[in-house]
Each structure stands twice: as C-alpha cells, then as structure tokens.
C-alpha cells in the first residue's frame, strides 16, 4: 500500500500541515505512526472539518 506524508496530504486536500496534524490527532483515519512521523494511506479520504457551521450565532454583533 502506498503512503503519503502529512505535508503531501495537506497539499492534496488544500489545508495547512498544522491543521492536518490536528485533524489526525482528533481522529486517525488509517494514519500510522512511523517513528515520530505520521503516514497516511494514499487512498484515504479528507477528514471532515467539524469547525464549519451553517448557522449564525445569536448575539454575535452582526445583526442588521
């Protein structure tokens, strides 16, 4: 099975390497630790970003 590094996965999915590390810390979908490095299978899908919301918070100061 082919693997890619965190920086390669970050470039492929359009996120920063730091954000990629945080996503992998939260939930490692197939990621393996190789020494101190993390490797990700090339067939892995981009993890969902739980930070995105589809609603506006009340009292955010953006009322018009």
PDB file of N, CA and C in Angstrom:
ATOM      1  N   UNK A   1       0.848  -1.184   0.000  1.00  0.00           N
ATOM      2  CA  UNK A   1       0.000   0.000   0.000  1.00  0.00           C
ATOM      3  C   UNK A   1       0.884   1.236   0.000  1.00  0.00           C
ATOM      4  N   UNK A   2       0.522   2.213  -0.796  1.00  0.00           N
ATOM      5  CA  UNK A   2       1.282   3.452  -0.873  1.00  0.00           C
ATOM      6  C   UNK A   2       0.831   4.408   0.217  1.00  0.00           C
ATOM      7  N   UNK A   3       1.795   5.176   0.723  1.00  0.00           N
ATOM      8  CA  UNK A   3       1.519   6.136   1.785  1.00  0.00           C
ATOM      9  C   UNK A   3       2.013   7.508   1.371  1.00  0.00           C
ATOM     10  N   UNK A   4       1.479   8.551   2.022  1.00  0.00           N
ATOM     11  CA  UNK A   4       1.946   9.917   1.823  1.00  0.00           C
ATOM     12  C   UNK A   4       2.205  10.539   3.182  1.00  0.00           C
ATOM     13  N   UNK A   5       3.034  11.568   3.176  1.00  0.00           N
ATOM     14  CA  UNK A   5       3.340  12.275   4.421  1.00  0.00           C
ATOM     15  C   UNK A   5       2.218  13.254   4.743  1.00  0.00           C
ATOM     16  N   UNK A   6       2.281  13.827   5.922  1.00  0.00           N
ATOM     17  CA  UNK A   6       1.282  14.812   6.340  1.00  0.00           C
ATOM     18  C   UNK A   6       1.339  16.039   5.434  1.00  0.00           C
ATOM     19  N   UNK A   7       2.533  16.489   5.074  1.00  0.00           N
ATOM     20  CA  UNK A   7       2.642  17.667   4.215  1.00  0.00           C
ATOM     21  C   UNK A   7       2.110  17.375   2.813  1.00  0.00           C
ATOM     22  N   UNK A   8       2.301  16.172   2.299  1.00  0.00           N
ATOM     23  CA  UNK A   8       1.751  15.805   0.993  1.00  0.00           C
ATOM     24  C   UNK A   8       0.229  15.752   1.046  1.00  0.00           C
ATOM     25  N   UNK A   9      -0.327  15.195   2.118  1.00  0.00           N
ATOM     26  CA  UNK A   9      -1.786  15.127   2.274  1.00  0.00           C
ATOM     27  C   UNK A   9      -2.374  16.526   2.419  1.00  0.00           C
ATOM     28  N   UNK A  10      -1.683  17.401   3.154  1.00  0.00           N
ATOM     29  CA  UNK A  10      -2.157  18.769   3.344  1.00  0.00           C
ATOM     30  C   UNK A  10      -2.216  19.502   2.001  1.00  0.00           C
ATOM     31  N   UNK A  11      -1.200  19.333   1.173  1.00  0.00           N
ATOM     32  CA  UNK A  11      -1.187  19.973  -0.144  1.00  0.00           C
ATOM     33  C   UNK A  11      -2.287  19.396  -1.038  1.00  0.00           C
ATOM     34  N   UNK A  12      -2.488  18.091  -0.969  1.00  0.00           N
ATOM     35  CA  UNK A  12      -3.509  17.431  -1.786  1.00  0.00           C
ATOM     36  C   UNK A  12      -4.909  17.908  -1.414  1.00  0.00           C
ATOM     37  N   UNK A  13      -5.172  18.115  -0.105  1.00  0.00           N
ATOM     38  CA  UNK A  13      -6.506  18.459   0.372  1.00  0.00           C
ATOM     39  C   UNK A  13      -6.696  19.950   0.609  1.00  0.00           C
ATOM     40  N   UNK A  14      -5.666  20.761   0.391  1.00  0.00           N
ATOM     41  CA  UNK A  14      -5.802  22.205   0.495  1.00  0.00           C
ATOM     42  C   UNK A  14      -5.912  22.741   1.912  1.00  0.00           C
ATOM     43  N   UNK A  15      -5.226  22.119   2.858  1.00  0.00           N
ATOM     44  CA  UNK A  15      -5.192  22.616   4.236  1.00  0.00           C
ATOM     45  C   UNK A  15      -3.734  22.767   4.648  1.00  0.00           C
ATOM     46  N   UNK A  16      -3.496  23.456   5.762  1.00  0.00           N
ATOM     47  CA  UNK A  16      -2.119  23.612   6.231  1.00  0.00           C
ATOM     48  C   UNK A  16      -1.649  22.319   6.894  1.00  0.00           C
ATOM     49  N   UNK A  17      -0.339  22.161   6.972  1.00  0.00           N
ATOM     50  CA  UNK A  17       0.230  20.968   7.601  1.00  0.00           C
ATOM     51  C   UNK A  17      -0.158  20.917   9.081  1.00  0.00           C
ATOM     52  N   UNK A  18      -0.204  22.077   9.742  1.00  0.00           N
ATOM     53  CA  UNK A  18      -0.594  22.126  11.156  1.00  0.00           C
ATOM     54  C   UNK A  18      -2.036  21.670  11.339  1.00  0.00           C
ATOM     55  N   UNK A  19      -2.942  22.139  10.453  1.00  0.00           N
ATOM     56  CA  UNK A  19      -4.347  21.718  10.535  1.00  0.00           C
ATOM     57  C   UNK A  19      -4.463  20.221  10.276  1.00  0.00           C
ATOM     58  N   UNK A  20      -3.664  19.703   9.369  1.00  0.00           N
ATOM     59  CA  UNK A  20      -3.674  18.275   9.074  1.00  0.00           C
ATOM     60  C   UNK A  20      -3.270  17.475  10.312  1.00  0.00           C
ATOM     61  N   UNK A  21      -2.243  17.945  11.028  1.00  0.00           N
ATOM     62  CA  UNK A  21      -1.827  17.277  12.265  1.00  0.00           C
ATOM     63  C   UNK A  21      -2.965  17.271  13.284  1.00  0.00           C
ATOM     64  N   UNK A  22      -3.661  18.402  13.418  1.00  0.00           N
ATOM     65  CA  UNK A  22      -4.769  18.486  14.377  1.00  0.00           C
ATOM     66  C   UNK A  22      -5.901  17.537  13.983  1.00  0.00           C
ATOM     67  N   UNK A  23      -6.232  17.456  12.701  1.00  0.00           N
ATOM     68  CA  UNK A  23      -7.272  16.540  12.241  1.00  0.00           C
ATOM     69  C   UNK A  23      -6.894  15.095  12.552  1.00  0.00           C
ATOM     70  N   UNK A  24      -5.628  14.764  12.369  1.00  0.00           N
ATOM     71  CA  UNK A  24      -5.177  13.401  12.633  1.00  0.00           C
ATOM     72  C   UNK A  24      -5.144  13.101  14.130  1.00  0.00           C
ATOM     73  N   UNK A  25      -4.862  14.118  14.956  1.00  0.00           N
ATOM     74  CA  UNK A  25      -4.901  13.922  16.405  1.00  0.00           C
ATOM     75  C   UNK A  25      -6.320  13.622  16.873  1.00  0.00           C
ATOM     76  N   UNK A  26      -7.291  14.323  16.280  1.00  0.00           N
ATOM     77  CA  UNK A  26      -8.684  14.132  16.671  1.00  0.00           C
ATOM     78  C   UNK A  26      -9.197  12.738  16.287  1.00  0.00           C
ATOM     79  N   UNK A  27      -8.860  12.315  15.097  1.00  0.00           N
ATOM     80  CA  UNK A  27      -9.316  11.012  14.631  1.00  0.00           C
ATOM     81  C   UNK A  27      -8.393  10.534  13.526  1.00  0.00           C
ATOM     82  N   UNK A  28      -7.670   9.484  13.777  1.00  0.00           N
ATOM     83  CA  UNK A  28      -6.719   8.983  12.795  1.00  0.00           C
ATOM     84  C   UNK A  28      -7.388   7.973  11.882  1.00  0.00           C
ATOM     85  N   UNK A  29      -7.865   8.414  10.747  1.00  0.00           N
ATOM     86  CA  UNK A  29      -8.487   7.529   9.771  1.00  0.00           C
ATOM     87  C   UNK A  29      -7.413   6.832   8.953  1.00  0.00           C
ATOM     88  N   UNK A  30      -6.903   5.737   9.484  1.00  0.00           N
ATOM     89  CA  UNK A  30      -5.914   4.959   8.760  1.00  0.00           C
ATOM     90  C   UNK A  30      -4.502   5.483   8.872  1.00  0.00           C
ATOM     91  N   UNK A  31      -4.288   6.574   9.601  1.00  0.00           N
ATOM     92  CA  UNK A  31      -2.943   7.122   9.746  1.00  0.00           C
ATOM     93  C   UNK A  31      -2.117   6.209  10.649  1.00  0.00           C
ATOM     94  N   UNK A  32      -0.857   6.066  10.297  1.00  0.00           N
ATOM     95  CA  UNK A  32       0.055   5.238  11.075  1.00  0.00           C
ATOM     96  C   UNK A  32       1.214   6.087  11.568  1.00  0.00           C
ATOM     97  N   UNK A  33       1.697   5.764  12.751  1.00  0.00           N
ATOM     98  CA  UNK A  33       2.862   6.448  13.278  1.00  0.00           C
ATOM     99  C   UNK A  33       4.087   5.642  12.866  1.00  0.00           C
ATOM    100  N   UNK A  34       5.021   6.314  12.212  1.00  0.00           N
ATOM    101  CA  UNK A  34       6.263   5.693  11.757  1.00  0.00           C
ATOM    102  C   UNK A  34       7.392   6.456  12.423  1.00  0.00           C
ATOM    103  N   UNK A  35       7.828   5.980  13.582  1.00  0.00           N
ATOM    104  CA  UNK A  35       8.772   6.744  14.386  1.00  0.00           C
ATOM    105  C   UNK A  35       8.030   7.937  14.961  1.00  0.00           C
ATOM    106  N   UNK A  36       8.497   9.135  14.667  1.00  0.00           N
ATOM    107  CA  UNK A  36       7.793  10.342  15.100  1.00  0.00           C
ATOM    108  C   UNK A  36       6.941  10.937  13.992  1.00  0.00           C
ATOM    109  N   UNK A  37       6.974  10.338  12.820  1.00  0.00           N
ATOM    110  CA  UNK A  37       6.215  10.854  11.682  1.00  0.00           C
ATOM    111  C   UNK A  37       4.891  10.114  11.541  1.00  0.00           C
ATOM    112  N   UNK A  38       3.930  10.798  10.977  1.00  0.00           N
ATOM    113  CA  UNK A  38       2.657  10.172  10.644  1.00  0.00           C
ATOM    114  C   UNK A  38       2.631   9.929   9.142  1.00  0.00           C
ATOM    115  N   UNK A  39       2.135   8.771   8.737  1.00  0.00           N
ATOM    116  CA  UNK A  39       1.951   8.492   7.325  1.00  0.00           C
ATOM    117  C   UNK A  39       0.489   8.138   7.096  1.00  0.00           C
ATOM    118  N   UNK A  40      -0.014   8.508   5.945  1.00  0.00           N
ATOM    119  CA  UNK A  40      -1.429   8.366   5.626  1.00  0.00           C
ATOM    120  C   UNK A  40      -1.537   7.569   4.329  1.00  0.00           C
ATOM    121  N   UNK A  41      -2.432   6.586   4.269  1.00  0.00           N
ATOM    122  CA  UNK A  41      -2.607   5.860   3.009  1.00  0.00           C
ATOM    123  C   UNK A  41      -3.061   6.813   1.896  1.00  0.00           C
ATOM    124  N   UNK A  42      -2.550   6.623   0.689  1.00  0.00           N
ATOM    125  CA  UNK A  42      -2.905   7.497  -0.430  1.00  0.00           C
ATOM    126  C   UNK A  42      -4.381   7.396  -0.784  1.00  0.00           C
ATOM    127  N   UNK A  43      -5.025   6.292  -0.445  1.00  0.00           N
ATOM    128  CA  UNK A  43      -6.439   6.102  -0.748  1.00  0.00           C
ATOM    129  C   UNK A  43      -7.350   6.741   0.300  1.00  0.00           C
ATOM    130  N   UNK A  44      -6.784   7.318   1.363  1.00  0.00           N
ATOM    131  CA  UNK A  44      -7.591   7.913   2.431  1.00  0.00           C
ATOM    132  C   UNK A  44      -8.356   9.121   1.917  1.00  0.00           C
ATOM    133  N   UNK A  45      -9.526   9.337   2.485  1.00  0.00           N
ATOM    134  CA  UNK A  45     -10.349  10.491   2.138  1.00  0.00           C
ATOM    135  C   UNK A  45     -10.071  11.630   3.114  1.00  0.00           C
ATOM    136  N   UNK A  46     -10.320  12.854   2.668  1.00  0.00           N
ATOM    137  CA  UNK A  46     -10.106  14.031   3.505  1.00  0.00           C
ATOM    138  C   UNK A  46     -11.046  13.979   4.705  1.00  0.00           C
ATOM    139  N   UNK A  47     -10.506  14.144   5.931  1.00  0.00           N
ATOM    140  CA  UNK A  47     -11.365  14.160   7.113  1.00  0.00           C
ATOM    141  C   UNK A  47     -12.302  15.361   7.094  1.00  0.00           C
ATOM    142  N   UNK A  48     -13.479  15.188   7.636  1.00  0.00           N
ATOM    143  CA  UNK A  48     -14.451  16.271   7.706  1.00  0.00           C
ATOM    144  C   UNK A  48     -13.963  17.335   8.691  1.00  0.00           C
ATOM    145  N   UNK A  49     -14.254  18.589   8.374  1.00  0.00           N
ATOM    146  CA  UNK A  49     -13.869  19.702   9.238  1.00  0.00           C
ATOM    147  C   UNK A  49     -15.051  20.048  10.126  1.00  0.00           C
ATOM    148  N   UNK A  50     -14.981  19.698  11.392  1.00  0.00           N
ATOM    149  CA  UNK A  50     -16.081  19.902  12.322  1.00  0.00           C
ATOM    150  C   UNK A  50     -16.214  21.359  12.753  1.00  0.00           C
ATOM    151  N   UNK A  51     -15.278  22.220  12.361  1.00  0.00           N
ATOM    152  CA  UNK A  51     -15.334  23.627  12.772  1.00  0.00           C
ATOM    153  C   UNK A  51     -16.378  24.409  12.007  1.00  0.00           C
ATOM    154  N   UNK A  52     -16.759  23.962  10.828  1.00  0.00           N
ATOM    155  CA  UNK A  52     -17.697  24.702   9.996  1.00  0.00           C
ATOM    156  C   UNK A  52     -19.116  24.576  10.525  1.00  0.00           C
ATOM    157  N   UNK A  53     -19.823  25.703  10.541  1.00  0.00           N
ATOM    158  CA  UNK A  53     -21.214  25.691  10.969  1.00  0.00           C
ATOM    159  C   UNK A  53     -22.064  26.330   9.885  1.00  0.00           C
ATOM    160  N   UNK A  54     -23.337  25.986   9.876  1.00  0.00           N
ATOM    161  CA  UNK A  54     -24.235  26.519   8.862  1.00  0.00           C
ATOM    162  C   UNK A  54     -25.221  27.516   9.458  1.00  0.00           C
ATOM    163  N   UNK A  55     -25.004  27.963  10.659  1.00  0.00           N
ATOM    164  CA  UNK A  55     -25.911  28.905  11.287  1.00  0.00           C
ATOM    165  C   UNK A  55     -25.126  30.064  11.876  1.00  0.00           C
ATOM    166  N   UNK A  56     -25.822  31.157  12.105  1.00  0.00           N
ATOM    167  CA  UNK A  56     -25.196  32.325  12.704  1.00  0.00           C
ATOM    168  C   UNK A  56     -25.523  32.334  14.186  1.00  0.00           C
ATOM    169  N   UNK A  57     -24.527  32.531  15.010  1.00  0.00           N
ATOM    170  CA  UNK A  57     -24.745  32.583  16.451  1.00  0.00           C
ATOM    171  C   UNK A  57     -25.532  33.833  16.818  1.00  0.00           C
ATOM    172  N   UNK A  58     -26.417  33.692  17.766  1.00  0.00           N
ATOM    173  CA  UNK A  58     -27.168  34.849  18.249  1.00  0.00           C
ATOM    174  C   UNK A  58     -26.247  35.708  19.109  1.00  0.00           C
ATOM    175  N   UNK A  59     -26.402  37.021  18.976  1.00  0.00           N
ATOM    176  CA  UNK A  59     -25.593  37.935  19.782  1.00  0.00           C
ATOM    177  C   UNK A  59     -24.176  38.066  19.297  1.00  0.00           C
ATOM    178  N   UNK A  60     -23.920  37.739  18.048  1.00  0.00           N
ATOM    179  CA  UNK A  60     -22.559  37.816  17.548  1.00  0.00           C
ATOM    180  C   UNK A  60     -22.162  39.249  17.149  1.00  0.00           C
ATOM    181  N   UNK A  61     -23.137  40.174  17.245  1.00  0.00           N
ATOM    182  CA  UNK A  61     -22.848  41.557  16.891  1.00  0.00           C
ATOM    183  C   UNK A  61     -22.994  41.819  15.411  1.00  0.00           C
ATOM    184  N   UNK A  62     -23.550  40.884  14.696  1.00  0.00           N
ATOM    185  CA  UNK A  62     -23.692  41.002  13.255  1.00  0.00           C
ATOM    186  C   UNK A  62     -25.146  41.235  12.839  1.00  0.00           C
ATOM    187  N   UNK A  63     -25.998  41.605  13.803  1.00  0.00           N
ATOM    188  CA  UNK A  63     -27.400  41.811  13.471  1.00  0.00           C
ATOM    189  C   UNK A  63     -27.569  43.084  12.658  1.00  0.00           C
ATOM    190  N   UNK A  64     -28.496  43.069  11.715  1.00  0.00           N
ATOM    191  CA  UNK A  64     -28.752  44.257  10.891  1.00  0.00           C
ATOM    192  C   UNK A  64     -30.198  44.553  10.853  1.00  0.00           C
TER     193      UNK A  64
END
